[in-house]
Amino acid sequence: MPVEVHARRVEFDETDSIQWILRDITERKELDGLREDLTAMIYHDLRSPLANIVSSLDVLYSMTPGDDKETILTVLKIAENSTDRIQRLVSSLLDVNRLESGQPVADQKAVDPITMIANVVLDVEPVAKGRRQAINVDLPKELPSIWVDEDMARRVLINLMENASKFTPSNGRIEAGARQEGDWVHMWVKDNGPGIPTPDQDRIFDKFTRLRGKNKPGGLGIGLAFCRLAVLGHGGRIWVESEQGKGTAFHFTFPVATEQQLAGSDNK
């Protein structure tokens, strides 16, 4: 039987005692299980029609006539970007369920972090340009490969950069960078937005948590929860540094691929 236990010090007949309260939470745990099963089913059922939409967009792209190509391709690109965002959200929701249940990150391989960051910047750049924001990249000439699930690591970086763009004002700046620190590659995403209040910094990585405020953008509150679980699932760390009015910096680490892992990856 799952039980919730509360204990507190009390004074009873002028004697210090401990009061114990035990509450049966069987029904709550069963409800949590049903909710997780339902959400997992919904997410799985969403993936199939999304894959069909992506395939259809690819077919439309190949069938586009030359005369109207530029206009039609602009519309198709918007649809493609929106579909990609939905796919990332669905994948992140599925990953949150898997990682919370204790499943390990399985599909790991050697990934070049410089190439990954450059590709993510290209993906996020249209959104940033639409908001008149500049993206700067701070990278050394070389970095060792990291041992990660490539899609998961890419989504961590995209989530943090899109999050930075949402909270950065027009004509603001976003920075993505990385450095090697021993057996880890330390990455970061910085912005010069309004910053995060100190009381909120401890809870922003909680699932379905959103910062409240008149000018705060909406969202499911799943992106940062996924980032935390994904980074921890790789054995890394993730943290935030922020000061109100002076911007926010998200830092996270991924493991450097060992020689054995690199050799095994080359043989595949």
C-alpha atoms as a PDB file:
ATOM      1  CA  MET A   1       0.000   0.000   0.000  1.00  0.00           C
ATOM      2  CA  PRO A   2       1.497   3.405  -0.958  1.00  0.00           C
ATOM      3  CA  VAL A   3       1.445   5.692   2.069  1.00  0.00           C
ATOM      4  CA  GLU A   4       2.250   9.386   2.524  1.00  0.00           C
ATOM      5  CA  VAL A   5       3.901  10.033   5.881  1.00  0.00           C
ATOM      6  CA  HIS A   6       4.000  13.313   7.777  1.00  0.00           C
ATOM      7  CA  ALA A   7       5.862  13.754  11.073  1.00  0.00           C
ATOM      8  CA  ARG A   8       6.129  16.805  13.283  1.00  0.00           C
ATOM      9  CA  ARG A   9       7.215  17.696  16.774  1.00  0.00           C
ATOM     10  CA  VAL A  10       4.385  18.464  19.203  1.00  0.00           C
ATOM     11  CA  GLU A  11       4.041  19.088  22.936  1.00  0.00           C
ATOM     12  CA  PHE A  12       1.623  16.700  24.660  1.00  0.00           C
ATOM     13  CA  ASP A  13       1.009  16.947  28.426  1.00  0.00           C
ATOM     14  CA  GLU A  14       4.171  19.067  28.704  1.00  0.00           C
ATOM     15  CA  THR A  15       6.143  16.294  27.041  1.00  0.00           C
ATOM     16  CA  ASP A  16       7.880  16.610  23.690  1.00  0.00           C
ATOM     17  CA  SER A  17       6.453  14.064  21.276  1.00  0.00           C
ATOM     18  CA  ILE A  18       6.362  13.291  17.566  1.00  0.00           C
ATOM     19  CA  GLN A  19       3.024  13.208  15.819  1.00  0.00           C
ATOM     20  CA  TRP A  20       2.815  10.752  12.907  1.00  0.00           C
ATOM     21  CA  ILE A  21       0.174  11.010  10.187  1.00  0.00           C
ATOM     22  CA  LEU A  22      -0.092   8.213   7.615  1.00  0.00           C
ATOM     23  CA  ARG A  23      -2.352   8.713   4.618  1.00  0.00           C
ATOM     24  CA  ASP A  24      -3.330   5.971   2.159  1.00  0.00           C
ATOM     25  CA  ILE A  25      -2.656   7.347  -1.355  1.00  0.00           C
ATOM     26  CA  THR A  26      -3.562   4.237  -3.356  1.00  0.00           C
ATOM     27  CA  GLU A  27      -6.275   6.023  -5.346  1.00  0.00           C
ATOM     28  CA  ARG A  28      -3.982   8.960  -6.111  1.00  0.00           C
ATOM     29  CA  LYS A  29      -1.249   6.619  -7.416  1.00  0.00           C
ATOM     30  CA  GLU A  30      -3.771   4.723  -9.553  1.00  0.00           C
ATOM     31  CA  LEU A  31      -5.022   8.022 -10.979  1.00  0.00           C
ATOM     32  CA  ASP A  32      -1.436   9.087 -11.746  1.00  0.00           C
ATOM     33  CA  GLY A  33      -0.883   5.790 -13.567  1.00  0.00           C
ATOM     34  CA  LEU A  34      -4.053   6.207 -15.640  1.00  0.00           C
ATOM     35  CA  ARG A  35      -3.065   9.767 -16.540  1.00  0.00           C
ATOM     36  CA  GLU A  36       0.404   8.689 -17.647  1.00  0.00           C
ATOM     37  CA  ASP A  37      -1.053   5.838 -19.734  1.00  0.00           C
ATOM     38  CA  LEU A  38      -3.518   8.230 -21.358  1.00  0.00           C
ATOM     39  CA  THR A  39      -0.913  10.870 -22.181  1.00  0.00           C
ATOM     40  CA  ALA A  40       1.484   8.253 -23.577  1.00  0.00           C
ATOM     41  CA  MET A  41      -1.302   6.885 -25.796  1.00  0.00           C
ATOM     42  CA  ILE A  42      -2.195  10.357 -27.071  1.00  0.00           C
ATOM     43  CA  TYR A  43       1.426  11.194 -27.873  1.00  0.00           C
ATOM     44  CA  HIS A  44       1.980   7.899 -29.683  1.00  0.00           C
ATOM     45  CA  ASP A  45      -1.207   8.404 -31.718  1.00  0.00           C
ATOM     46  CA  LEU A  46      -0.076  11.905 -32.698  1.00  0.00           C
ATOM     47  CA  ARG A  47       3.191  10.692 -34.203  1.00  0.00           C
ATOM     48  CA  SER A  48       1.625   8.759 -37.083  1.00  0.00           C
ATOM     49  CA  PRO A  49      -0.461  11.604 -38.595  1.00  0.00           C
ATOM     50  CA  LEU A  50       2.467  13.982 -38.076  1.00  0.00           C
ATOM     51  CA  ALA A  51       4.720  11.680 -40.079  1.00  0.00           C
ATOM     52  CA  ASN A  52       2.102  11.668 -42.858  1.00  0.00           C
ATOM     53  CA  ILE A  53       2.025  15.488 -42.872  1.00  0.00           C
ATOM     54  CA  VAL A  54       5.816  15.647 -43.171  1.00  0.00           C
ATOM     55  CA  SER A  55       5.781  13.175 -46.071  1.00  0.00           C
ATOM     56  CA  SER A  56       3.012  15.137 -47.799  1.00  0.00           C
ATOM     57  CA  LEU A  57       4.978  18.384 -47.473  1.00  0.00           C
ATOM     58  CA  ASP A  58       7.994  16.696 -49.069  1.00  0.00           C
ATOM     59  CA  VAL A  59       5.837  15.523 -51.989  1.00  0.00           C
ATOM     60  CA  LEU A  60       4.322  18.999 -52.440  1.00  0.00           C
ATOM     61  CA  TYR A  61       7.816  20.497 -52.404  1.00  0.00           C
ATOM     62  CA  SER A  62       8.914  18.222 -55.271  1.00  0.00           C
ATOM     63  CA  MET A  63       5.734  18.953 -57.261  1.00  0.00           C
ATOM     64  CA  THR A  64       5.944  22.757 -56.974  1.00  0.00           C
ATOM     65  CA  PRO A  65       5.889  24.401 -60.441  1.00  0.00           C
ATOM     66  CA  GLY A  66       8.724  26.730 -61.356  1.00  0.00           C
ATOM     67  CA  ASP A  67       6.603  29.859 -61.984  1.00  0.00           C
ATOM     68  CA  ASP A  68       5.121  30.117 -58.496  1.00  0.00           C
ATOM     69  CA  LYS A  69       7.970  28.364 -56.737  1.00  0.00           C
ATOM     70  CA  GLU A  70       9.140  31.203 -54.491  1.00  0.00           C
ATOM     71  CA  THR A  71       5.714  32.040 -53.030  1.00  0.00           C
ATOM     72  CA  ILE A  72       4.650  28.436 -52.604  1.00  0.00           C
ATOM     73  CA  LEU A  73       7.971  27.435 -51.067  1.00  0.00           C
ATOM     74  CA  THR A  74       7.614  30.208 -48.478  1.00  0.00           C
ATOM     75  CA  VAL A  75       4.244  28.814 -47.406  1.00  0.00           C
ATOM     76  CA  LEU A  76       5.579  25.249 -47.405  1.00  0.00           C
ATOM     77  CA  LYS A  77       8.544  26.323 -45.267  1.00  0.00           C
ATOM     78  CA  ILE A  78       6.206  27.819 -42.667  1.00  0.00           C
ATOM     79  CA  ALA A  79       4.211  24.569 -42.607  1.00  0.00           C
ATOM     80  CA  GLU A  80       7.415  22.529 -42.375  1.00  0.00           C
ATOM     81  CA  ASN A  81       8.781  24.593 -39.473  1.00  0.00           C
ATOM     82  CA  SER A  82       5.469  24.396 -37.605  1.00  0.00           C
ATOM     83  CA  THR A  83       5.280  20.635 -38.105  1.00  0.00           C
ATOM     84  CA  ASP A  84       8.855  20.270 -36.897  1.00  0.00           C
ATOM     85  CA  ARG A  85       7.969  22.160 -33.705  1.00  0.00           C
ATOM     86  CA  ILE A  86       4.988  19.856 -33.083  1.00  0.00           C
ATOM     87  CA  GLN A  87       7.179  16.800 -33.654  1.00  0.00           C
ATOM     88  CA  ARG A  88       9.762  18.099 -31.186  1.00  0.00           C
ATOM     89  CA  LEU A  89       7.052  18.719 -28.598  1.00  0.00           C
ATOM     90  CA  VAL A  90       5.589  15.229 -29.029  1.00  0.00           C
ATOM     91  CA  SER A  91       9.055  13.639 -28.860  1.00  0.00           C
ATOM     92  CA  SER A  92       9.907  15.660 -25.760  1.00  0.00           C
ATOM     93  CA  LEU A  93       6.671  14.631 -24.038  1.00  0.00           C
ATOM     94  CA  LEU A  94       7.401  10.977 -24.804  1.00  0.00           C
ATOM     95  CA  ASP A  95      10.976  11.352 -23.574  1.00  0.00           C
ATOM     96  CA  VAL A  96       9.779  12.988 -20.344  1.00  0.00           C
ATOM     97  CA  ASN A  97       7.538   9.972 -19.660  1.00  0.00           C
ATOM     98  CA  ARG A  98      10.331   7.518 -20.457  1.00  0.00           C
ATOM     99  CA  LEU A  99      13.025   9.293 -18.464  1.00  0.00           C
ATOM    100  CA  GLU A 100      10.760   9.875 -15.449  1.00  0.00           C
ATOM    101  CA  SER A 101      10.028   6.140 -15.377  1.00  0.00           C
ATOM    102  CA  GLY A 102      13.768   5.458 -15.127  1.00  0.00           C
ATOM    103  CA  GLN A 103      14.423   4.246 -18.681  1.00  0.00           C
ATOM    104  CA  PRO A 104      18.025   4.955 -19.800  1.00  0.00           C
ATOM    105  CA  VAL A 105      19.068   6.998 -22.831  1.00  0.00           C
ATOM    106  CA  ALA A 106      19.717   4.195 -25.310  1.00  0.00           C
ATOM    107  CA  ASP A 107      20.491   5.509 -28.796  1.00  0.00           C
ATOM    108  CA  GLN A 108      23.834   7.201 -28.107  1.00  0.00           C
ATOM    109  CA  LYS A 109      26.611   7.816 -30.598  1.00  0.00           C
ATOM    110  CA  ALA A 110      29.569  10.159 -31.208  1.00  0.00           C
ATOM    111  CA  VAL A 111      28.340  13.600 -32.300  1.00  0.00           C
ATOM    112  CA  ASP A 112      30.357  16.658 -33.326  1.00  0.00           C
ATOM    113  CA  PRO A 113      29.099  19.452 -31.009  1.00  0.00           C
ATOM    114  CA  ILE A 114      30.326  22.267 -33.283  1.00  0.00           C
ATOM    115  CA  THR A 115      28.320  20.921 -36.233  1.00  0.00           C
ATOM    116  CA  MET A 116      25.284  20.325 -34.016  1.00  0.00           C
ATOM    117  CA  ILE A 117      25.338  23.872 -32.636  1.00  0.00           C
ATOM    118  CA  ALA A 118      25.815  25.357 -36.126  1.00  0.00           C
ATOM    119  CA  ASN A 119      22.822  23.392 -37.468  1.00  0.00           C
ATOM    120  CA  VAL A 120      20.622  24.420 -34.544  1.00  0.00           C
ATOM    121  CA  VAL A 121      21.545  28.082 -35.066  1.00  0.00           C
ATOM    122  CA  LEU A 122      20.441  27.761 -38.706  1.00  0.00           C
ATOM    123  CA  ASP A 123      17.135  26.253 -37.547  1.00  0.00           C
ATOM    124  CA  VAL A 124      16.445  28.981 -34.971  1.00  0.00           C
ATOM    125  CA  GLU A 125      17.753  31.920 -37.033  1.00  0.00           C
ATOM    126  CA  PRO A 126      14.500  32.560 -38.997  1.00  0.00           C
ATOM    127  CA  VAL A 127      12.564  32.913 -35.729  1.00  0.00           C
ATOM    128  CA  ALA A 128      15.204  35.236 -34.264  1.00  0.00           C
ATOM    129  CA  LYS A 129      15.347  37.355 -37.433  1.00  0.00           C
ATOM    130  CA  GLY A 130      11.564  37.700 -37.357  1.00  0.00           C
ATOM    131  CA  ARG A 131      11.964  39.235 -33.905  1.00  0.00           C
ATOM    132  CA  ARG A 132      14.973  41.324 -35.014  1.00  0.00           C
ATOM    133  CA  GLN A 133      17.320  39.426 -32.702  1.00  0.00           C
ATOM    134  CA  ALA A 134      20.969  38.632 -33.342  1.00  0.00           C
ATOM    135  CA  ILE A 135      22.487  35.209 -32.636  1.00  0.00           C
ATOM    136  CA  ASN A 136      26.177  35.065 -31.751  1.00  0.00           C
ATOM    137  CA  VAL A 137      28.199  31.851 -31.583  1.00  0.00           C
ATOM    138  CA  ASP A 138      31.165  31.471 -29.215  1.00  0.00           C
ATOM    139  CA  LEU A 139      33.035  28.292 -30.176  1.00  0.00           C
ATOM    140  CA  PRO A 140      36.668  27.165 -30.283  1.00  0.00           C
ATOM    141  CA  LYS A 141      38.126  25.813 -33.513  1.00  0.00           C
ATOM    142  CA  GLU A 142      37.871  22.232 -32.275  1.00  0.00           C
ATOM    143  CA  LEU A 143      35.883  20.274 -29.715  1.00  0.00           C
ATOM    144  CA  PRO A 144      35.868  16.538 -28.995  1.00  0.00           C
ATOM    145  CA  SER A 145      32.845  14.471 -29.999  1.00  0.00           C
ATOM    146  CA  ILE A 146      30.153  14.029 -27.365  1.00  0.00           C
ATOM    147  CA  TRP A 147      28.469  10.692 -26.592  1.00  0.00           C
ATOM    148  CA  VAL A 148      24.739  11.462 -26.814  1.00  0.00           C
ATOM    149  CA  ASP A 149      21.402  10.653 -28.363  1.00  0.00           C
ATOM    150  CA  GLU A 150      21.812  13.130 -31.226  1.00  0.00           C
ATOM    151  CA  ASP A 151      18.122  13.988 -31.634  1.00  0.00           C
ATOM    152  CA  MET A 152      17.667  14.446 -27.893  1.00  0.00           C
ATOM    153  CA  ALA A 153      20.763  16.660 -27.548  1.00  0.00           C
ATOM    154  CA  ARG A 154      19.657  18.719 -30.550  1.00  0.00           C
ATOM    155  CA  ARG A 155      16.215  19.260 -29.006  1.00  0.00           C
ATOM    156  CA  VAL A 156      17.783  20.387 -25.725  1.00  0.00           C
ATOM    157  CA  LEU A 157      19.709  23.094 -27.567  1.00  0.00           C
ATOM    158  CA  ILE A 158      16.738  24.120 -29.761  1.00  0.00           C
ATOM    159  CA  ASN A 159      14.435  24.350 -26.734  1.00  0.00           C
ATOM    160  CA  LEU A 160      16.874  26.592 -24.870  1.00  0.00           C
ATOM    161  CA  MET A 161      17.522  28.828 -27.889  1.00  0.00           C
ATOM    162  CA  GLU A 162      13.822  29.171 -28.750  1.00  0.00           C
ATOM    163  CA  ASN A 163      13.121  29.860 -25.088  1.00  0.00           C
ATOM    164  CA  ALA A 164      15.811  32.563 -25.109  1.00  0.00           C
ATOM    165  CA  SER A 165      14.254  34.103 -28.224  1.00  0.00           C
ATOM    166  CA  LYS A 166      10.785  34.160 -26.627  1.00  0.00           C
ATOM    167  CA  PHE A 167      12.016  36.081 -23.597  1.00  0.00           C
ATOM    168  CA  THR A 168      14.445  38.395 -25.413  1.00  0.00           C
ATOM    169  CA  PRO A 169      13.126  41.775 -26.611  1.00  0.00           C
ATOM    170  CA  SER A 170      13.388  42.993 -30.196  1.00  0.00           C
ATOM    171  CA  ASN A 171      16.928  43.982 -31.189  1.00  0.00           C
ATOM    172  CA  GLY A 172      18.195  41.739 -28.388  1.00  0.00           C
ATOM    173  CA  ARG A 173      21.084  39.266 -28.455  1.00  0.00           C
ATOM    174  CA  ILE A 174      21.279  35.506 -28.017  1.00  0.00           C
ATOM    175  CA  GLU A 175      24.536  33.606 -27.622  1.00  0.00           C
ATOM    176  CA  ALA A 176      25.268  29.894 -27.992  1.00  0.00           C
ATOM    177  CA  GLY A 177      28.658  28.550 -27.026  1.00  0.00           C
ATOM    178  CA  ALA A 178      30.653  25.557 -25.835  1.00  0.00           C
ATOM    179  CA  ARG A 179      33.976  24.688 -24.201  1.00  0.00           C
ATOM    180  CA  GLN A 180      35.655  21.444 -23.178  1.00  0.00           C
ATOM    181  CA  GLU A 181      36.021  20.951 -19.438  1.00  0.00           C
ATOM    182  CA  GLY A 182      37.796  17.669 -18.734  1.00  0.00           C
ATOM    183  CA  ASP A 183      35.586  14.744 -19.710  1.00  0.00           C
ATOM    184  CA  TRP A 184      32.653  17.036 -20.474  1.00  0.00           C
ATOM    185  CA  VAL A 185      31.643  19.580 -23.083  1.00  0.00           C
ATOM    186  CA  HIS A 186      30.068  22.560 -21.346  1.00  0.00           C
ATOM    187  CA  MET A 187      27.466  24.330 -23.501  1.00  0.00           C
ATOM    188  CA  TRP A 188      25.434  27.436 -22.803  1.00  0.00           C
ATOM    189  CA  VAL A 189      22.688  29.663 -24.186  1.00  0.00           C
ATOM    190  CA  LYS A 190      22.612  33.290 -23.023  1.00  0.00           C
ATOM    191  CA  ASP A 191      20.215  36.170 -23.664  1.00  0.00           C
ATOM    192  CA  ASN A 192      19.864  39.790 -22.581  1.00  0.00           C
ATOM    193  CA  GLY A 193      16.177  39.506 -21.693  1.00  0.00           C
ATOM    194  CA  PRO A 194      14.440  40.491 -18.440  1.00  0.00           C
ATOM    195  CA  GLY A 195      15.988  37.661 -16.411  1.00  0.00           C
ATOM    196  CA  ILE A 196      14.352  35.161 -14.057  1.00  0.00           C
ATOM    197  CA  PRO A 197      13.401  36.143 -10.486  1.00  0.00           C
ATOM    198  CA  THR A 198      15.476  34.300  -7.876  1.00  0.00           C
ATOM    199  CA  PRO A 199      12.446  32.512  -6.284  1.00  0.00           C
ATOM    200  CA  ASP A 200      11.516  31.054  -9.696  1.00  0.00           C
ATOM    201  CA  GLN A 201      14.983  29.752 -10.600  1.00  0.00           C
ATOM    202  CA  ASP A 202      14.596  26.592  -8.495  1.00  0.00           C
ATOM    203  CA  ARG A 203      11.294  25.559 -10.069  1.00  0.00           C
ATOM    204  CA  ILE A 204      11.586  26.451 -13.761  1.00  0.00           C
ATOM    205  CA  PHE A 205      12.777  22.917 -14.579  1.00  0.00           C
ATOM    206  CA  ASP A 206       9.632  21.384 -13.039  1.00  0.00           C
ATOM    207  CA  LYS A 207       7.118  19.855 -15.441  1.00  0.00           C
ATOM    208  CA  PHE A 208       4.194  22.106 -16.481  1.00  0.00           C
ATOM    209  CA  THR A 209       5.716  25.098 -14.673  1.00  0.00           C
ATOM    210  CA  ARG A 210       5.431  28.452 -16.428  1.00  0.00           C
ATOM    211  CA  LEU A 211       6.560  31.871 -15.319  1.00  0.00           C
ATOM    212  CA  ARG A 212       3.566  34.083 -14.616  1.00  0.00           C
ATOM    213  CA  GLY A 213       3.352  37.672 -15.699  1.00  0.00           C
ATOM    214  CA  LYS A 214       1.572  40.120 -17.941  1.00  0.00           C
ATOM    215  CA  ASN A 215       4.168  39.988 -20.731  1.00  0.00           C
ATOM    216  CA  LYS A 216       5.277  36.380 -20.283  1.00  0.00           C
ATOM    217  CA  PRO A 217       4.761  34.169 -23.358  1.00  0.00           C
ATOM    218  CA  GLY A 218       2.538  31.134 -22.975  1.00  0.00           C
ATOM    219  CA  GLY A 219       3.441  27.483 -23.383  1.00  0.00           C
ATOM    220  CA  LEU A 220       2.967  23.992 -21.984  1.00  0.00           C
ATOM    221  CA  GLY A 221       5.853  24.287 -19.557  1.00  0.00           C
ATOM    222  CA  ILE A 222       7.404  21.041 -20.783  1.00  0.00           C
ATOM    223  CA  GLY A 223      10.521  22.312 -22.609  1.00  0.00           C
ATOM    224  CA  LEU A 224      12.797  22.971 -19.620  1.00  0.00           C
ATOM    225  CA  ALA A 225      11.570  19.841 -17.830  1.00  0.00           C
ATOM    226  CA  PHE A 226      12.606  17.817 -20.883  1.00  0.00           C
ATOM    227  CA  CYS A 227      15.992  19.593 -21.012  1.00  0.00           C
ATOM    228  CA  ARG A 228      16.716  18.740 -17.374  1.00  0.00           C
ATOM    229  CA  LEU A 229      15.716  15.080 -17.717  1.00  0.00           C
ATOM    230  CA  ALA A 230      17.616  14.678 -21.011  1.00  0.00           C
ATOM    231  CA  VAL A 231      20.840  16.187 -19.655  1.00  0.00           C
ATOM    232  CA  LEU A 232      20.629  14.216 -16.394  1.00  0.00           C
ATOM    233  CA  GLY A 233      19.871  11.081 -18.423  1.00  0.00           C
ATOM    234  CA  HIS A 234      23.268  11.541 -20.117  1.00  0.00           C
ATOM    235  CA  GLY A 235      24.939  11.941 -16.720  1.00  0.00           C
ATOM    236  CA  GLY A 236      25.427  15.692 -17.161  1.00  0.00           C
ATOM    237  CA  ARG A 237      24.380  18.799 -15.225  1.00  0.00           C
ATOM    238  CA  ILE A 238      22.092  21.686 -16.122  1.00  0.00           C
ATOM    239  CA  TRP A 239      21.675  24.969 -14.263  1.00  0.00           C
ATOM    240  CA  VAL A 240      20.588  28.555 -14.739  1.00  0.00           C
ATOM    241  CA  GLU A 241      22.306  31.833 -13.908  1.00  0.00           C
ATOM    242  CA  SER A 242      20.151  34.927 -14.054  1.00  0.00           C
ATOM    243  CA  GLU A 243      19.756  38.399 -12.664  1.00  0.00           C
ATOM    244  CA  GLN A 244      16.616  40.445 -13.201  1.00  0.00           C
ATOM    245  CA  GLY A 245      17.114  43.052 -15.879  1.00  0.00           C
ATOM    246  CA  LYS A 246      20.453  41.566 -16.975  1.00  0.00           C
ATOM    247  CA  GLY A 247      19.476  38.441 -18.897  1.00  0.00           C
ATOM    248  CA  THR A 248      19.636  34.694 -18.365  1.00  0.00           C
ATOM    249  CA  ALA A 249      22.213  31.998 -19.091  1.00  0.00           C
ATOM    250  CA  PHE A 250      21.384  28.283 -19.227  1.00  0.00           C
ATOM    251  CA  HIS A 251      24.386  25.976 -18.838  1.00  0.00           C
ATOM    252  CA  PHE A 252      24.530  22.218 -19.419  1.00  0.00           C
ATOM    253  CA  THR A 253      27.107  19.485 -19.954  1.00  0.00           C
ATOM    254  CA  PHE A 254      27.339  16.378 -22.149  1.00  0.00           C
ATOM    255  CA  PRO A 255      29.979  13.630 -21.814  1.00  0.00           C
ATOM    256  CA  VAL A 256      32.977  13.485 -24.151  1.00  0.00           C
ATOM    257  CA  ALA A 257      33.046  10.256 -26.176  1.00  0.00           C
ATOM    258  CA  THR A 258      35.745   7.844 -24.967  1.00  0.00           C
ATOM    259  CA  GLU A 259      38.235   6.163 -27.318  1.00  0.00           C
ATOM    260  CA  GLN A 260      36.359   2.868 -26.936  1.00  0.00           C
ATOM    261  CA  GLN A 261      33.054   4.530 -27.788  1.00  0.00           C
ATOM    262  CA  LEU A 262      34.586   6.237 -30.820  1.00  0.00           C
ATOM    263  CA  ALA A 263      36.081   2.943 -32.018  1.00  0.00           C
ATOM    264  CA  GLY A 264      32.745   1.156 -31.582  1.00  0.00           C
ATOM    265  CA  SER A 265      30.907   3.967 -33.378  1.00  0.00           C
ATOM    266  CA  ASP A 266      33.318   3.777 -36.350  1.00  0.00           C
ATOM    267  CA  ASN A 267      32.748   0.032 -36.683  1.00  0.00           C
ATOM    268  CA  LYS A 268      28.979   0.381 -36.948  1.00  0.00           C
END
